[in-house]
Amino acid sequence: MMLLSYGIGTTIRVIGVTEIFAFAPIPKTIWMTEEFGRLAMTLGHIALVNLAVKTAIGTAILAPFKAAGRMAFSLYFMQQFLALYVLFAPFGLGLYGRFGWAELSAIAAAIVIGQLIFANIYMRVFVAGPLEWLWRSLAYVRWQPLLRRRGDLPVTIQEHAPIVA
């Protein structure tokens, strides 16, 4: 699945880039194929992660992302708050319009790395992110435990793997 998806997605993307950079007034077909290329590449990425999780090296490489996955809802809102109200708002740091694509990519990467570090530290003490905890408490109509009990270990990928007899 990974090879097929990447093959189709890359081919469509190359055709699209060729059309975009062509100086001749040729009819552009990228508007028809862009979403198919994006979907194919996404399926390739999913297949690559699934293959990586099945190996010891892949599991070790993906280990820092487990904590972020357990509090993704909270991290999403943290990103939105940082960008909308702290970094780029006129009443915050007022950085809107001051950076190009490269600088914005570096800022986004720094935020994501900072959030990965924060999530791994946070999940050592707490069972779930604050919004995940609130959501779960509302769903079960009773307060769920927030603090990790002594001796509890964070959930690992292997604990959710299907049991094969």
N, C-alpha and C. Protein backbone atom coordinates (compact mmCIF):
# COMPACT_ATOMS: atom_id res chain seq x y z
N MET A 1 0.82 -1.19 0.00
CA MET A 1 0.00 0.00 0.00
C MET A 1 0.87 1.26 0.00
N MET A 2 1.96 1.21 0.79
CA MET A 2 2.83 2.38 0.87
C MET A 2 3.46 2.70 -0.48
N LEU A 3 4.01 1.68 -1.12
CA LEU A 3 4.68 1.91 -2.41
C LEU A 3 3.70 2.37 -3.48
N LEU A 4 2.53 1.75 -3.52
CA LEU A 4 1.52 2.13 -4.51
C LEU A 4 1.04 3.56 -4.26
N SER A 5 0.75 3.89 -3.01
CA SER A 5 0.27 5.23 -2.69
C SER A 5 1.30 6.30 -2.98
N TYR A 6 2.54 6.05 -2.55
CA TYR A 6 3.60 7.02 -2.83
C TYR A 6 3.86 7.14 -4.33
N GLY A 7 3.78 6.03 -5.05
CA GLY A 7 4.00 6.07 -6.50
C GLY A 7 2.94 6.92 -7.20
N ILE A 8 1.67 6.70 -6.87
CA ILE A 8 0.59 7.47 -7.47
C ILE A 8 0.67 8.93 -7.04
N GLY A 9 0.84 9.16 -5.75
CA GLY A 9 0.89 10.53 -5.23
C GLY A 9 2.05 11.33 -5.78
N THR A 10 3.23 10.73 -5.84
CA THR A 10 4.40 11.42 -6.37
C THR A 10 4.22 11.74 -7.84
N THR A 11 3.68 10.80 -8.61
CA THR A 11 3.46 11.04 -10.03
C THR A 11 2.50 12.21 -10.25
N ILE A 12 1.41 12.22 -9.51
CA ILE A 12 0.45 13.32 -9.65
C ILE A 12 1.07 14.64 -9.23
N ARG A 13 1.85 14.62 -8.16
CA ARG A 13 2.49 15.85 -7.70
C ARG A 13 3.52 16.38 -8.72
N VAL A 14 4.29 15.48 -9.32
CA VAL A 14 5.27 15.90 -10.33
C VAL A 14 4.57 16.51 -11.54
N ILE A 15 3.47 15.91 -11.97
CA ILE A 15 2.71 16.47 -13.09
C ILE A 15 2.20 17.85 -12.72
N GLY A 16 1.69 18.00 -11.51
CA GLY A 16 1.18 19.30 -11.07
C GLY A 16 2.26 20.37 -11.01
N VAL A 17 3.44 20.01 -10.48
CA VAL A 17 4.53 20.99 -10.41
C VAL A 17 5.01 21.36 -11.81
N THR A 18 5.05 20.38 -12.71
CA THR A 18 5.45 20.65 -14.08
C THR A 18 4.47 21.61 -14.74
N GLU A 19 3.19 21.43 -14.51
CA GLU A 19 2.19 22.33 -15.08
C GLU A 19 2.30 23.73 -14.49
N ILE A 20 2.55 23.81 -13.20
CA ILE A 20 2.64 25.12 -12.55
C ILE A 20 3.82 25.92 -13.10
N PHE A 21 4.95 25.25 -13.31
CA PHE A 21 6.15 25.95 -13.76
C PHE A 21 6.29 26.03 -15.27
N ALA A 22 5.33 25.49 -16.00
CA ALA A 22 5.38 25.57 -17.47
C ALA A 22 5.07 26.99 -17.91
N PHE A 23 5.89 27.52 -18.81
CA PHE A 23 5.69 28.87 -19.31
C PHE A 23 4.69 28.92 -20.46
N ALA A 24 4.49 27.78 -21.12
CA ALA A 24 3.56 27.73 -22.25
C ALA A 24 2.12 27.79 -21.74
N PRO A 25 1.26 28.43 -22.50
CA PRO A 25 -0.15 28.52 -22.07
C PRO A 25 -0.88 27.21 -22.34
N ILE A 26 -0.53 26.17 -21.60
CA ILE A 26 -1.20 24.88 -21.76
C ILE A 26 -2.35 24.80 -20.76
N PRO A 27 -3.37 24.01 -21.08
CA PRO A 27 -4.46 23.85 -20.11
C PRO A 27 -3.94 23.13 -18.87
N LYS A 28 -4.26 23.67 -17.72
CA LYS A 28 -3.80 23.10 -16.45
C LYS A 28 -4.82 22.07 -15.95
N THR A 29 -4.33 20.87 -15.63
CA THR A 29 -5.20 19.81 -15.11
C THR A 29 -4.99 19.59 -13.62
N ILE A 30 -4.09 20.36 -13.00
CA ILE A 30 -3.77 20.13 -11.60
C ILE A 30 -4.98 20.31 -10.70
N TRP A 31 -5.91 21.17 -11.07
CA TRP A 31 -7.10 21.36 -10.24
C TRP A 31 -7.92 20.08 -10.13
N MET A 32 -7.80 19.19 -11.14
CA MET A 32 -8.54 17.93 -11.10
C MET A 32 -7.82 16.87 -10.29
N THR A 33 -6.50 16.94 -10.26
CA THR A 33 -5.73 15.84 -9.67
C THR A 33 -5.10 16.17 -8.33
N GLU A 34 -5.14 17.42 -7.92
CA GLU A 34 -4.45 17.83 -6.70
C GLU A 34 -4.94 17.05 -5.47
N GLU A 35 -6.24 16.93 -5.29
CA GLU A 35 -6.77 16.21 -4.13
C GLU A 35 -6.44 14.72 -4.17
N PHE A 36 -6.45 14.13 -5.36
CA PHE A 36 -6.10 12.71 -5.47
C PHE A 36 -4.64 12.49 -5.08
N GLY A 37 -3.78 13.40 -5.51
CA GLY A 37 -2.37 13.30 -5.12
C GLY A 37 -2.18 13.45 -3.62
N ARG A 38 -2.91 14.39 -3.03
CA ARG A 38 -2.83 14.60 -1.58
C ARG A 38 -3.32 13.37 -0.83
N LEU A 39 -4.44 12.79 -1.27
CA LEU A 39 -4.97 11.59 -0.61
C LEU A 39 -4.02 10.41 -0.74
N ALA A 40 -3.44 10.24 -1.92
CA ALA A 40 -2.51 9.14 -2.13
C ALA A 40 -1.28 9.29 -1.23
N MET A 41 -0.74 10.50 -1.13
CA MET A 41 0.42 10.72 -0.27
C MET A 41 0.06 10.49 1.20
N THR A 42 -1.13 10.89 1.60
CA THR A 42 -1.58 10.67 2.98
C THR A 42 -1.69 9.18 3.28
N LEU A 43 -2.25 8.41 2.36
CA LEU A 43 -2.31 6.96 2.55
C LEU A 43 -0.91 6.36 2.64
N GLY A 44 0.02 6.88 1.85
CA GLY A 44 1.40 6.42 1.93
C GLY A 44 2.01 6.72 3.29
N HIS A 45 1.75 7.91 3.82
CA HIS A 45 2.27 8.26 5.15
C HIS A 45 1.67 7.34 6.22
N ILE A 46 0.37 7.07 6.13
CA ILE A 46 -0.27 6.18 7.11
C ILE A 46 0.33 4.79 7.04
N ALA A 47 0.55 4.28 5.84
CA ALA A 47 1.16 2.97 5.69
C ALA A 47 2.58 2.95 6.24
N LEU A 48 3.33 4.03 6.02
CA LEU A 48 4.70 4.11 6.54
C LEU A 48 4.71 4.09 8.06
N VAL A 49 3.82 4.83 8.70
CA VAL A 49 3.76 4.83 10.16
C VAL A 49 3.34 3.45 10.67
N ASN A 50 2.37 2.82 10.01
CA ASN A 50 1.96 1.48 10.42
C ASN A 50 3.11 0.47 10.31
N LEU A 51 3.91 0.59 9.26
CA LEU A 51 5.08 -0.29 9.14
C LEU A 51 6.10 0.02 10.23
N ALA A 52 6.30 1.29 10.53
CA ALA A 52 7.29 1.68 11.54
C ALA A 52 6.90 1.18 12.92
N VAL A 53 5.62 1.20 13.24
CA VAL A 53 5.16 0.76 14.57
C VAL A 53 5.40 -0.74 14.76
N LYS A 54 5.49 -1.49 13.69
CA LYS A 54 5.68 -2.93 13.79
C LYS A 54 7.13 -3.34 14.00
N THR A 55 8.05 -2.37 14.00
CA THR A 55 9.46 -2.68 14.22
C THR A 55 9.94 -2.03 15.51
N ALA A 56 10.98 -2.59 16.10
CA ALA A 56 11.52 -2.04 17.34
C ALA A 56 12.12 -0.65 17.11
N ILE A 57 12.83 -0.48 16.00
CA ILE A 57 13.43 0.82 15.70
C ILE A 57 12.34 1.86 15.45
N GLY A 58 11.33 1.51 14.70
CA GLY A 58 10.23 2.44 14.43
C GLY A 58 9.49 2.82 15.69
N THR A 59 9.27 1.85 16.58
CA THR A 59 8.61 2.14 17.86
C THR A 59 9.45 3.09 18.69
N ALA A 60 10.76 2.90 18.68
CA ALA A 60 11.64 3.80 19.44
C ALA A 60 11.64 5.21 18.85
N ILE A 61 11.61 5.31 17.54
CA ILE A 61 11.61 6.62 16.88
C ILE A 61 10.29 7.35 17.16
N LEU A 62 9.18 6.62 17.17
CA LEU A 62 7.86 7.23 17.37
C LEU A 62 7.49 7.40 18.84
N ALA A 63 8.29 6.88 19.76
CA ALA A 63 7.96 6.94 21.20
C ALA A 63 7.68 8.35 21.71
N PRO A 64 8.44 9.39 21.32
CA PRO A 64 8.13 10.73 21.84
C PRO A 64 6.76 11.26 21.43
N PHE A 65 6.16 10.69 20.41
CA PHE A 65 4.88 11.17 19.93
C PHE A 65 3.69 10.54 20.66
N LYS A 66 3.93 9.51 21.48
CA LYS A 66 2.83 8.87 22.20
C LYS A 66 2.15 9.83 23.15
N ALA A 67 2.95 10.57 23.92
CA ALA A 67 2.38 11.51 24.88
C ALA A 67 1.58 12.59 24.17
N ALA A 68 2.10 13.08 23.06
CA ALA A 68 1.38 14.11 22.30
C ALA A 68 0.08 13.55 21.74
N GLY A 69 0.06 12.31 21.36
CA GLY A 69 -1.17 11.69 20.87
C GLY A 69 -2.22 11.54 21.95
N ARG A 70 -1.79 11.37 23.20
CA ARG A 70 -2.73 11.21 24.30
C ARG A 70 -3.31 12.54 24.76
N MET A 71 -2.73 13.65 24.30
CA MET A 71 -3.29 14.96 24.64
C MET A 71 -3.38 15.86 23.42
N ALA A 72 -3.73 15.28 22.28
CA ALA A 72 -3.77 16.01 21.02
C ALA A 72 -4.80 17.14 21.03
N PHE A 73 -5.94 16.93 21.65
CA PHE A 73 -6.98 17.95 21.72
C PHE A 73 -6.46 19.20 22.45
N SER A 74 -5.80 18.99 23.58
CA SER A 74 -5.24 20.12 24.34
C SER A 74 -4.12 20.80 23.57
N LEU A 75 -3.27 20.03 22.91
CA LEU A 75 -2.16 20.62 22.16
C LEU A 75 -2.67 21.43 20.97
N TYR A 76 -3.74 20.97 20.34
CA TYR A 76 -4.33 21.72 19.23
C TYR A 76 -4.78 23.10 19.71
N PHE A 77 -5.50 23.13 20.82
CA PHE A 77 -5.97 24.42 21.33
C PHE A 77 -4.81 25.28 21.83
N MET A 78 -3.76 24.66 22.33
CA MET A 78 -2.59 25.43 22.75
C MET A 78 -1.94 26.10 21.53
N GLN A 79 -1.83 25.37 20.42
CA GLN A 79 -1.28 25.96 19.20
C GLN A 79 -2.11 27.14 18.75
N GLN A 80 -3.42 26.96 18.75
CA GLN A 80 -4.31 28.04 18.32
C GLN A 80 -4.17 29.26 19.21
N PHE A 81 -4.11 29.05 20.51
CA PHE A 81 -3.97 30.16 21.45
C PHE A 81 -2.64 30.89 21.24
N LEU A 82 -1.55 30.12 21.11
CA LEU A 82 -0.24 30.74 20.91
C LEU A 82 -0.20 31.59 19.64
N ALA A 83 -0.71 31.03 18.55
CA ALA A 83 -0.64 31.75 17.28
C ALA A 83 -1.62 32.91 17.21
N LEU A 84 -2.86 32.67 17.62
CA LEU A 84 -3.89 33.70 17.47
C LEU A 84 -3.81 34.82 18.49
N TYR A 85 -3.43 34.49 19.72
CA TYR A 85 -3.51 35.49 20.78
C TYR A 85 -2.17 35.96 21.33
N VAL A 86 -1.12 35.15 21.15
CA VAL A 86 0.17 35.54 21.71
C VAL A 86 1.11 36.06 20.63
N LEU A 87 1.35 35.28 19.60
CA LEU A 87 2.37 35.65 18.62
C LEU A 87 1.90 36.69 17.61
N PHE A 88 0.74 36.47 17.01
CA PHE A 88 0.38 37.27 15.84
C PHE A 88 -0.74 38.28 16.06
N ALA A 89 -1.36 38.29 17.20
CA ALA A 89 -2.44 39.25 17.47
C ALA A 89 -1.86 40.64 17.74
N PRO A 90 -2.56 41.70 17.36
CA PRO A 90 -2.07 43.06 17.62
C PRO A 90 -1.92 43.35 19.11
N PHE A 91 -2.74 42.72 19.95
CA PHE A 91 -2.62 42.94 21.38
C PHE A 91 -1.64 41.97 22.03
N GLY A 92 -1.07 41.04 21.24
CA GLY A 92 -0.02 40.15 21.73
C GLY A 92 1.32 40.71 21.30
N LEU A 93 2.14 39.87 20.71
CA LEU A 93 3.46 40.33 20.23
C LEU A 93 3.35 41.08 18.90
N GLY A 94 2.23 40.96 18.21
CA GLY A 94 2.01 41.71 16.98
C GLY A 94 2.94 41.34 15.84
N LEU A 95 3.21 40.06 15.66
CA LEU A 95 4.15 39.62 14.64
C LEU A 95 3.50 39.32 13.29
N TYR A 96 2.21 39.58 13.14
CA TYR A 96 1.51 39.27 11.89
C TYR A 96 2.13 40.04 10.72
N GLY A 97 2.41 39.32 9.63
CA GLY A 97 2.92 39.93 8.41
C GLY A 97 4.40 40.25 8.42
N ARG A 98 5.12 39.84 9.43
CA ARG A 98 6.55 40.17 9.53
C ARG A 98 7.47 39.05 9.07
N PHE A 99 6.92 37.89 8.75
CA PHE A 99 7.76 36.75 8.40
C PHE A 99 7.37 36.19 7.06
N GLY A 100 8.34 35.57 6.39
CA GLY A 100 8.09 34.83 5.15
C GLY A 100 7.79 33.38 5.48
N TRP A 101 7.65 32.57 4.41
CA TRP A 101 7.31 31.16 4.60
C TRP A 101 8.36 30.41 5.39
N ALA A 102 9.63 30.67 5.14
CA ALA A 102 10.69 29.94 5.84
C ALA A 102 10.66 30.24 7.33
N GLU A 103 10.51 31.51 7.68
CA GLU A 103 10.48 31.87 9.10
C GLU A 103 9.23 31.30 9.79
N LEU A 104 8.10 31.34 9.09
CA LEU A 104 6.87 30.78 9.66
C LEU A 104 7.00 29.27 9.86
N SER A 105 7.68 28.60 8.94
CA SER A 105 7.91 27.16 9.09
C SER A 105 8.80 26.88 10.29
N ALA A 106 9.81 27.72 10.50
CA ALA A 106 10.68 27.56 11.66
C ALA A 106 9.93 27.81 12.96
N ILE A 107 9.06 28.81 12.97
CA ILE A 107 8.24 29.09 14.16
C ILE A 107 7.31 27.91 14.43
N ALA A 108 6.67 27.38 13.40
CA ALA A 108 5.77 26.23 13.57
C ALA A 108 6.54 25.02 14.09
N ALA A 109 7.73 24.77 13.54
CA ALA A 109 8.54 23.64 14.00
C ALA A 109 8.94 23.82 15.47
N ALA A 110 9.31 25.04 15.84
CA ALA A 110 9.68 25.31 17.24
C ALA A 110 8.50 25.08 18.18
N ILE A 111 7.31 25.49 17.75
CA ILE A 111 6.11 25.27 18.58
C ILE A 111 5.84 23.78 18.73
N VAL A 112 5.93 23.03 17.65
CA VAL A 112 5.66 21.59 17.70
C VAL A 112 6.70 20.89 18.58
N ILE A 113 7.96 21.23 18.43
CA ILE A 113 9.01 20.61 19.27
C ILE A 113 8.79 20.96 20.73
N GLY A 114 8.47 22.23 21.00
CA GLY A 114 8.17 22.63 22.37
C GLY A 114 6.98 21.88 22.94
N GLN A 115 5.96 21.67 22.12
CA GLN A 115 4.79 20.93 22.58
C GLN A 115 5.10 19.46 22.82
N LEU A 116 5.96 18.87 22.00
CA LEU A 116 6.37 17.48 22.24
C LEU A 116 7.08 17.34 23.58
N ILE A 117 7.97 18.26 23.85
CA ILE A 117 8.68 18.23 25.14
C ILE A 117 7.70 18.43 26.28
N PHE A 118 6.82 19.43 26.16
CA PHE A 118 5.82 19.70 27.19
C PHE A 118 4.93 18.48 27.42
N ALA A 119 4.44 17.86 26.33
CA ALA A 119 3.54 16.71 26.46
C ALA A 119 4.20 15.55 27.17
N ASN A 120 5.48 15.28 26.87
CA ASN A 120 6.16 14.18 27.52
C ASN A 120 6.38 14.44 29.00
N ILE A 121 6.63 15.67 29.38
CA ILE A 121 6.78 16.00 30.80
C ILE A 121 5.41 15.96 31.49
N TYR A 122 4.40 16.54 30.86
CA TYR A 122 3.06 16.62 31.43
C TYR A 122 2.48 15.22 31.67
N MET A 123 2.65 14.33 30.70
CA MET A 123 2.03 13.00 30.80
C MET A 123 2.73 12.11 31.82
N ARG A 124 3.86 12.50 32.35
CA ARG A 124 4.48 11.74 33.44
C ARG A 124 3.72 11.94 34.74
N VAL A 125 3.03 13.08 34.86
CA VAL A 125 2.31 13.42 36.09
C VAL A 125 0.82 13.17 35.97
N PHE A 126 0.26 13.42 34.79
CA PHE A 126 -1.18 13.37 34.60
C PHE A 126 -1.58 12.22 33.69
N VAL A 127 -2.82 11.77 33.84
CA VAL A 127 -3.35 10.66 33.06
C VAL A 127 -3.70 11.11 31.63
N ALA A 128 -4.21 12.33 31.51
CA ALA A 128 -4.64 12.84 30.20
C ALA A 128 -4.43 14.34 30.18
N GLY A 129 -4.51 14.91 28.98
CA GLY A 129 -4.43 16.35 28.84
C GLY A 129 -5.63 17.01 29.50
N PRO A 130 -5.55 18.31 29.80
CA PRO A 130 -6.66 18.96 30.51
C PRO A 130 -7.98 18.92 29.74
N LEU A 131 -7.95 19.16 28.45
CA LEU A 131 -9.20 19.12 27.69
C LEU A 131 -9.70 17.70 27.49
N GLU A 132 -8.79 16.75 27.34
CA GLU A 132 -9.19 15.34 27.23
C GLU A 132 -9.85 14.88 28.53
N TRP A 133 -9.26 15.30 29.66
CA TRP A 133 -9.82 14.95 30.97
C TRP A 133 -11.21 15.55 31.12
N LEU A 134 -11.38 16.82 30.75
CA LEU A 134 -12.68 17.47 30.86
C LEU A 134 -13.70 16.79 29.95
N TRP A 135 -13.30 16.51 28.74
CA TRP A 135 -14.19 15.86 27.77
C TRP A 135 -14.63 14.49 28.29
N ARG A 136 -13.68 13.72 28.80
CA ARG A 136 -13.99 12.39 29.32
C ARG A 136 -14.89 12.50 30.55
N SER A 137 -14.64 13.47 31.42
CA SER A 137 -15.47 13.66 32.61
C SER A 137 -16.90 14.03 32.22
N LEU A 138 -17.03 14.90 31.22
CA LEU A 138 -18.37 15.26 30.76
C LEU A 138 -19.07 14.07 30.09
N ALA A 139 -18.33 13.28 29.36
CA ALA A 139 -18.92 12.13 28.66
C ALA A 139 -19.42 11.07 29.65
N TYR A 140 -18.68 10.84 30.74
CA TYR A 140 -19.07 9.84 31.74
C TYR A 140 -19.93 10.43 32.85
N VAL A 141 -20.18 11.75 32.82
CA VAL A 141 -20.99 12.47 33.78
C VAL A 141 -20.49 12.26 35.21
N ARG A 142 -19.17 12.19 35.37
CA ARG A 142 -18.54 12.18 36.69
C ARG A 142 -17.07 12.50 36.48
N TRP A 143 -16.46 13.10 37.51
CA TRP A 143 -15.06 13.49 37.40
C TRP A 143 -14.18 12.27 37.27
N GLN A 144 -13.33 12.29 36.27
CA GLN A 144 -12.37 11.21 36.05
C GLN A 144 -11.07 11.54 36.77
N PRO A 145 -10.28 10.53 37.11
CA PRO A 145 -8.99 10.83 37.76
C PRO A 145 -8.08 11.60 36.80
N LEU A 146 -7.40 12.61 37.33
CA LEU A 146 -6.49 13.41 36.51
C LEU A 146 -5.04 13.09 36.81
N LEU A 147 -4.70 12.96 38.08
CA LEU A 147 -3.31 12.67 38.45
C LEU A 147 -3.01 11.19 38.27
N ARG A 148 -1.83 10.91 37.79
CA ARG A 148 -1.37 9.54 37.63
C ARG A 148 -1.04 8.99 39.02
N ARG A 149 -1.53 7.81 39.33
CA ARG A 149 -1.22 7.19 40.62
C ARG A 149 0.20 6.65 40.61
N ARG A 150 0.80 6.58 41.77
CA ARG A 150 2.16 6.06 41.88
C ARG A 150 2.20 4.63 41.34
N GLY A 151 3.15 4.35 40.49
CA GLY A 151 3.28 3.02 39.91
C GLY A 151 2.60 2.89 38.56
N ASP A 152 1.69 3.80 38.23
CA ASP A 152 1.06 3.77 36.90
C ASP A 152 2.07 4.21 35.86
N LEU A 153 2.12 3.48 34.78
CA LEU A 153 3.00 3.84 33.68
C LEU A 153 2.17 4.40 32.55
N PRO A 154 2.73 5.31 31.77
CA PRO A 154 2.00 5.80 30.59
C PRO A 154 1.66 4.66 29.65
N VAL A 155 0.56 4.79 28.93
CA VAL A 155 0.12 3.77 27.98
C VAL A 155 1.11 3.71 26.82
N THR A 156 1.46 2.51 26.41
CA THR A 156 2.37 2.35 25.29
C THR A 156 1.60 1.83 24.08
N ILE A 157 2.25 1.90 22.94
CA ILE A 157 1.63 1.44 21.70
C ILE A 157 1.33 -0.06 21.77
N GLN A 158 2.24 -0.84 22.39
CA GLN A 158 2.07 -2.28 22.43
C GLN A 158 0.83 -2.69 23.23
N GLU A 159 0.42 -1.88 24.21
CA GLU A 159 -0.75 -2.23 25.01
C GLU A 159 -2.02 -2.17 24.19
N HIS A 160 -2.02 -1.45 23.08
CA HIS A 160 -3.20 -1.36 22.25
C HIS A 160 -3.13 -2.28 21.04
N ALA A 161 -2.03 -3.01 20.90
CA ALA A 161 -1.89 -3.91 19.76
C ALA A 161 -2.80 -5.11 19.95
N PRO A 162 -3.34 -5.67 18.85
CA PRO A 162 -4.20 -6.84 18.99
C PRO A 162 -3.42 -8.04 19.52
N ILE A 163 -4.09 -8.83 20.35
CA ILE A 163 -3.46 -10.01 20.95
C ILE A 163 -3.60 -11.15 19.96
N VAL A 164 -2.46 -11.76 19.62
CA VAL A 164 -2.45 -12.88 18.68
C VAL A 164 -2.09 -14.12 19.46
N ALA A 165 -2.94 -15.13 19.39
CA ALA A 165 -2.70 -16.37 20.15
C ALA A 165 -1.91 -17.35 19.33
